[in-house]
Structures are given as structure tokens and as C-alpha cells.
Amino acid sequence: MLTPGIKGHAALRVTTENTALAMGSGELPVLATPAVAALIEKACWQSVASELELDQGTVGTALTVAHTAPTPVGMIVQCDCELIAVEDRRLRFTARVYDDVTQIASATHERYIVGNDRFTRKANSKRTAEA
């Protein structure tokens, strides 16, 4: 059973591919906010993955990010997260993102525990609905 207090970590190097300019979220060659969001999600889902049943996973349902400082190409960005609440299948996290100089973002994130096969079938059923 998941309990609050589980911590996670993920990191990335800022490259030209994850800048705002490349990702379409701005015009500047600095780390894109969508890349920050993906790093936060990665840290959170990985932090609890080993605690779930074999057929379970988590999906992100809400993310509130304050991206408050730029990071240039070449720097490493790290994310530390903590599971702060477990309410049935709902998981809530806080996250802190930083580079070698300063904190660059903070966030709250919500994920839900799902059955992987059932969730995938539900998503794939939309294909037949299109026809």
C-alpha cells in the first residue's frame, strides 16, 4: 500500500531539442516549460511504480507548475518530488526543480492508479468510435 512520504528524483540535460524554441512553447533557447512538466511527471510516476501491483500504473490528471527561472542549453536540471497524499486511487505530489544555480520551478501534481490493460483498452476503443 502506498503511503505519503515516498520520494522520487529525475534529471535531464538541457539540449537544443528540449528548449522553448524547439518545442514550440516560446522563441528562446532555454529549457521549455513542457520539458519541465515532463520531468516532474517522470519523477512522480517512477517514485511509486515499484510499489504498485504488476498490472497497475499511474496516469497524470493535474499539474500546476510555476516555472520561475530560465536554464540554458548544457546545464543539468533535477527534480525532487514527494508523495504527500493518498486518497484511494488518487495520489498527490509536490515537486521542486532546480539547476546548478537556483530553483527553477515548483509544482503540485496529481496522478491516479489505473489498471494498465483496462486503461489501454479504453483508450484504444476510441479508434473504433472514429470509424
Protein backbone atom coordinates (compact mmCIF):
# COMPACT_ATOMS: atom_id res chain seq x y z
CA MET A 1 0.00 0.00 0.00
CA LEU A 2 1.25 3.47 -0.88
CA THR A 3 1.82 5.90 1.96
CA PRO A 4 2.77 9.57 1.96
CA GLY A 5 6.46 10.32 2.25
CA ILE A 6 7.71 8.36 -0.78
CA LYS A 7 10.33 10.47 -2.53
CA GLY A 8 11.49 10.46 -6.14
CA HIS A 9 14.13 12.02 -8.35
CA ALA A 10 14.70 12.55 -12.06
CA ALA A 11 17.15 14.63 -14.06
CA LEU A 12 17.78 15.82 -17.60
CA ARG A 13 20.35 17.79 -19.55
CA VAL A 14 19.06 20.84 -21.39
CA THR A 15 19.63 20.28 -25.10
CA THR A 16 18.52 22.15 -28.19
CA GLU A 17 15.70 19.56 -28.51
CA ASN A 18 14.04 20.48 -25.18
CA THR A 19 14.24 24.26 -25.48
CA ALA A 20 11.22 26.51 -25.78
CA LEU A 21 12.28 27.34 -29.32
CA ALA A 22 12.38 23.68 -30.41
CA MET A 23 9.24 22.60 -28.55
CA GLY A 24 7.13 25.48 -29.80
CA SER A 25 6.42 26.97 -26.39
CA GLY A 26 8.42 30.14 -26.98
CA GLU A 27 11.17 31.78 -29.00
CA LEU A 28 14.18 31.41 -26.72
CA PRO A 29 16.88 28.73 -26.50
CA VAL A 30 16.19 27.90 -22.82
CA LEU A 31 14.56 24.90 -21.14
CA ALA A 32 10.92 24.71 -22.19
CA THR A 33 8.13 24.61 -19.64
CA PRO A 34 6.69 21.45 -21.30
CA ALA A 35 10.06 19.76 -20.69
CA VAL A 36 9.91 20.82 -17.03
CA ALA A 37 6.39 19.35 -16.81
CA ALA A 38 7.55 16.05 -18.32
CA LEU A 39 10.46 15.87 -15.86
CA ILE A 40 8.08 16.40 -12.93
CA GLU A 41 5.74 13.68 -14.19
CA LYS A 42 8.65 11.29 -14.68
CA ALA A 43 9.96 11.81 -11.15
CA CYS A 44 6.49 11.28 -9.69
CA TRP A 45 5.43 8.17 -11.64
CA GLN A 46 8.79 6.50 -11.18
CA SER A 47 8.75 7.18 -7.42
CA VAL A 48 5.72 4.95 -6.88
CA ALA A 49 5.99 2.46 -9.75
CA SER A 50 7.72 -0.26 -7.73
CA GLU A 51 5.02 -0.07 -5.04
CA LEU A 52 2.16 -0.91 -7.41
CA GLU A 53 0.73 -4.26 -8.44
CA LEU A 54 2.22 -5.73 -11.63
CA ASP A 55 -0.79 -4.79 -13.75
CA GLN A 56 -1.06 -1.25 -12.37
CA GLY A 57 0.38 2.09 -13.39
CA THR A 58 -0.38 5.74 -12.82
CA VAL A 59 -1.63 8.46 -15.12
CA GLY A 60 -1.26 12.18 -14.63
CA THR A 61 -4.52 14.09 -14.25
CA ALA A 62 -3.47 17.53 -12.98
CA LEU A 63 -0.28 19.55 -12.89
CA THR A 64 0.26 23.07 -11.58
CA VAL A 65 3.72 24.40 -12.39
CA ALA A 66 5.43 27.68 -11.54
CA HIS A 67 8.43 27.84 -13.91
CA THR A 68 10.22 30.83 -12.44
CA ALA A 69 13.78 30.86 -13.80
CA PRO A 70 15.48 30.08 -17.13
CA THR A 71 18.07 27.36 -17.70
CA PRO A 72 20.41 27.46 -20.70
CA VAL A 73 21.43 24.63 -23.00
CA GLY A 74 24.09 22.38 -21.46
CA MET A 75 23.00 22.52 -17.81
CA ILE A 76 21.59 19.60 -15.83
CA VAL A 77 18.14 20.08 -14.31
CA GLN A 78 16.95 17.91 -11.43
CA CYS A 79 13.56 17.26 -9.89
CA ASP A 80 12.84 16.04 -6.38
CA CYS A 81 9.28 15.00 -5.61
CA GLU A 82 7.36 13.71 -2.63
CA LEU A 83 4.07 11.85 -2.37
CA ILE A 84 2.06 13.95 0.07
CA ALA A 85 -1.39 12.33 -0.01
CA VAL A 86 -3.02 9.03 -0.94
CA GLU A 87 -6.80 9.03 -1.28
CA ASP A 88 -8.00 5.70 -2.66
CA ARG A 89 -6.53 5.70 -6.21
CA ARG A 90 -5.66 9.44 -6.18
CA LEU A 91 -2.04 10.39 -5.48
CA ARG A 92 -0.88 13.95 -4.81
CA PHE A 93 2.73 15.09 -5.06
CA THR A 94 4.82 18.20 -4.56
CA ALA A 95 7.92 18.79 -6.67
CA ARG A 96 10.93 21.07 -6.70
CA VAL A 97 13.01 21.56 -9.87
CA TYR A 98 16.47 23.10 -9.83
CA ASP A 99 19.63 23.57 -11.87
CA ASP A 100 23.19 24.05 -10.59
CA VAL A 101 22.48 27.66 -9.67
CA THR A 102 18.91 28.01 -8.41
CA GLN A 103 15.45 26.55 -8.06
CA ILE A 104 13.72 26.97 -11.41
CA ALA A 105 10.26 25.54 -10.76
CA SER A 106 7.86 24.17 -8.19
CA ALA A 107 4.74 22.12 -8.73
CA THR A 108 1.86 20.13 -7.40
CA HIS A 109 0.90 17.05 -9.35
CA GLU A 110 -1.97 14.58 -9.20
CA ARG A 111 -1.90 11.05 -10.55
CA TYR A 112 -4.38 8.18 -10.44
CA ILE A 113 -3.64 4.49 -10.11
CA VAL A 114 -5.08 2.56 -13.05
CA GLY A 115 -5.16 -0.97 -14.37
CA ASN A 116 -2.80 -0.75 -17.34
CA ASP A 117 -4.65 -3.18 -19.63
CA ARG A 118 -8.09 -1.74 -18.89
CA PHE A 119 -6.86 1.83 -19.37
CA THR A 120 -5.18 0.96 -22.67
CA ARG A 121 -8.31 -0.84 -23.91
CA LYS A 122 -10.40 2.21 -23.02
CA ALA A 123 -8.04 4.49 -24.95
CA ASN A 124 -7.91 2.15 -27.94
CA SER A 125 -11.71 1.88 -28.04
CA LYS A 126 -11.73 5.45 -29.36
CA ARG A 127 -10.25 4.15 -32.61
CA THR A 128 -13.37 2.10 -33.34
CA ALA A 129 -15.55 5.05 -32.36
CA GLU A 130 -13.92 7.13 -35.12
CA ALA A 131 -14.87 4.68 -37.90
